[in-house]
Amino acid sequence: MATELLLNKRLSRRTLNSLGRHAITTVDQVVEAYPERLLKLNGVGMTVLRDIERTLFPGQQFQPHSGRYKAWTEDASSHSHGDQTQSKE
């Protein structure tokens, strides 16, 4: 079944290592955890999240509104390339 495909060769080695440390190995597991649960995992930050978005959620970009990533979001908004934003709450 397509939703059970392993993630290897679809994401960067860094992303695969970060997810693998938490036993996340399938597309379904990533989709289920996106975005908030992923960001709570040790070793998963905005760089890993953006890699996941480019591969599994084209056209989407989670924008945290507060907390740990607030400064990053404000900085990134000045470099926006017109990407569609979507926040799942």
C-alpha atoms as a PDB file:
ATOM      1  CA  MET A   1       0.000   0.000   0.000  1.00  0.00           C
ATOM      2  CA  ALA A   2       1.371   3.415  -1.000  1.00  0.00           C
ATOM      3  CA  THR A   3       0.805   5.008   2.404  1.00  0.00           C
ATOM      4  CA  GLU A   4       3.041   2.419   4.032  1.00  0.00           C
ATOM      5  CA  LEU A   5       6.054   3.205   1.863  1.00  0.00           C
ATOM      6  CA  LEU A   6       9.294   3.585   3.703  1.00  0.00           C
ATOM      7  CA  LEU A   7      10.700   7.086   3.743  1.00  0.00           C
ATOM      8  CA  ASN A   8      14.250   6.227   2.663  1.00  0.00           C
ATOM      9  CA  LYS A   9      15.341   7.837  -0.598  1.00  0.00           C
ATOM     10  CA  ARG A  10      12.513  10.363  -0.344  1.00  0.00           C
ATOM     11  CA  LEU A  11      14.045  12.548   2.386  1.00  0.00           C
ATOM     12  CA  SER A  12      17.530  13.762   3.226  1.00  0.00           C
ATOM     13  CA  ARG A  13      19.826  11.576   5.336  1.00  0.00           C
ATOM     14  CA  ARG A  14      19.624  14.148   8.163  1.00  0.00           C
ATOM     15  CA  THR A  15      15.830  13.984   8.171  1.00  0.00           C
ATOM     16  CA  LEU A  16      15.792  10.194   8.000  1.00  0.00           C
ATOM     17  CA  ASN A  17      18.202   9.976  10.940  1.00  0.00           C
ATOM     18  CA  SER A  18      16.131  12.404  13.006  1.00  0.00           C
ATOM     19  CA  LEU A  19      12.905  10.513  12.339  1.00  0.00           C
ATOM     20  CA  GLY A  20      14.550   7.112  12.743  1.00  0.00           C
ATOM     21  CA  ARG A  21      15.680   7.944  16.266  1.00  0.00           C
ATOM     22  CA  HIS A  22      11.971   8.086  17.114  1.00  0.00           C
ATOM     23  CA  ALA A  23      11.002   4.969  15.089  1.00  0.00           C
ATOM     24  CA  ILE A  24       9.201   7.008  12.439  1.00  0.00           C
ATOM     25  CA  THR A  25       9.781   5.114   9.198  1.00  0.00           C
ATOM     26  CA  THR A  26       6.619   5.416   7.105  1.00  0.00           C
ATOM     27  CA  VAL A  27       4.784   8.184   5.295  1.00  0.00           C
ATOM     28  CA  ASP A  28       1.686   7.499   7.427  1.00  0.00           C
ATOM     29  CA  GLN A  29       3.648   8.060  10.635  1.00  0.00           C
ATOM     30  CA  VAL A  30       5.002  11.388   9.386  1.00  0.00           C
ATOM     31  CA  VAL A  31       1.601  12.577   8.166  1.00  0.00           C
ATOM     32  CA  GLU A  32       0.037  11.655  11.498  1.00  0.00           C
ATOM     33  CA  ALA A  33       2.687  13.556  13.466  1.00  0.00           C
ATOM     34  CA  TYR A  34       2.865  16.651  11.213  1.00  0.00           C
ATOM     35  CA  PRO A  35       3.593  19.340  12.322  1.00  0.00           C
ATOM     36  CA  GLU A  36       3.348  19.872  16.074  1.00  0.00           C
ATOM     37  CA  ARG A  37       4.243  16.370  17.223  1.00  0.00           C
ATOM     38  CA  LEU A  38       7.214  16.270  14.870  1.00  0.00           C
ATOM     39  CA  LEU A  39       8.556  19.546  16.242  1.00  0.00           C
ATOM     40  CA  LYS A  40       8.397  18.183  19.785  1.00  0.00           C
ATOM     41  CA  LEU A  41      10.799  15.364  18.892  1.00  0.00           C
ATOM     42  CA  ASN A  42      14.445  15.758  19.852  1.00  0.00           C
ATOM     43  CA  GLY A  43      16.474  16.435  16.712  1.00  0.00           C
ATOM     44  CA  VAL A  44      13.530  17.613  14.620  1.00  0.00           C
ATOM     45  CA  GLY A  45      13.620  21.333  14.022  1.00  0.00           C
ATOM     46  CA  MET A  46      12.608  23.685  11.260  1.00  0.00           C
ATOM     47  CA  THR A  47      15.240  22.413   8.796  1.00  0.00           C
ATOM     48  CA  VAL A  48      13.987  18.838   9.082  1.00  0.00           C
ATOM     49  CA  LEU A  49      10.372  20.021   8.990  1.00  0.00           C
ATOM     50  CA  ARG A  50      11.009  21.985   5.777  1.00  0.00           C
ATOM     51  CA  ASP A  51      12.582  18.905   4.157  1.00  0.00           C
ATOM     52  CA  ILE A  52       9.491  16.898   5.083  1.00  0.00           C
ATOM     53  CA  GLU A  53       7.208  19.612   3.715  1.00  0.00           C
ATOM     54  CA  ARG A  54       9.059  19.829   0.396  1.00  0.00           C
ATOM     55  CA  THR A  55       8.745  16.078  -0.073  1.00  0.00           C
ATOM     56  CA  LEU A  56       5.415  15.109   1.486  1.00  0.00           C
ATOM     57  CA  PHE A  57       3.451  18.368   1.663  1.00  0.00           C
ATOM     58  CA  PRO A  58       4.349  20.387  -1.454  1.00  0.00           C
ATOM     59  CA  GLY A  59       2.961  23.898  -1.314  1.00  0.00           C
ATOM     60  CA  GLN A  60       2.406  23.807   2.445  1.00  0.00           C
ATOM     61  CA  GLN A  61       4.517  25.531   5.050  1.00  0.00           C
ATOM     62  CA  PHE A  62       3.733  25.390   8.747  1.00  0.00           C
ATOM     63  CA  GLN A  63       4.230  28.751  10.437  1.00  0.00           C
ATOM     64  CA  PRO A  64       4.436  28.548  14.238  1.00  0.00           C
ATOM     65  CA  HIS A  65       2.841  31.560  15.857  1.00  0.00           C
ATOM     66  CA  SER A  66       4.635  31.583  19.182  1.00  0.00           C
ATOM     67  CA  GLY A  67       7.155  29.910  21.406  1.00  0.00           C
ATOM     68  CA  ARG A  68      10.449  28.359  20.447  1.00  0.00           C
ATOM     69  CA  TYR A  69      10.311  29.215  16.730  1.00  0.00           C
ATOM     70  CA  LYS A  70       8.867  32.732  16.906  1.00  0.00           C
ATOM     71  CA  ALA A  71      12.134  34.491  16.063  1.00  0.00           C
ATOM     72  CA  TRP A  72      12.777  32.099  13.183  1.00  0.00           C
ATOM     73  CA  THR A  73       9.286  32.711  11.785  1.00  0.00           C
ATOM     74  CA  GLU A  74       9.715  36.475  11.881  1.00  0.00           C
ATOM     75  CA  ASP A  75      13.079  36.180  10.123  1.00  0.00           C
ATOM     76  CA  ALA A  76      11.723  33.703   7.552  1.00  0.00           C
ATOM     77  CA  SER A  77       8.752  35.906   6.721  1.00  0.00           C
ATOM     78  CA  SER A  78      11.132  38.503   5.289  1.00  0.00           C
ATOM     79  CA  HIS A  79      12.517  35.801   2.950  1.00  0.00           C
ATOM     80  CA  SER A  80       9.176  34.392   1.819  1.00  0.00           C
ATOM     81  CA  HIS A  81       8.952  33.175  -1.755  1.00  0.00           C
ATOM     82  CA  GLY A  82       5.175  33.306  -1.904  1.00  0.00           C
ATOM     83  CA  ASP A  83       4.786  29.827  -0.444  1.00  0.00           C
ATOM     84  CA  GLN A  84       1.314  28.893   0.678  1.00  0.00           C
ATOM     85  CA  THR A  85       1.074  28.828   4.448  1.00  0.00           C
ATOM     86  CA  GLN A  86      -1.038  26.454   6.411  1.00  0.00           C
ATOM     87  CA  SER A  87      -1.192  25.839  10.118  1.00  0.00           C
ATOM     88  CA  LYS A  88      -2.799  22.729  11.554  1.00  0.00           C
ATOM     89  CA  GLU A  89      -3.975  23.195  15.073  1.00  0.00           C
END
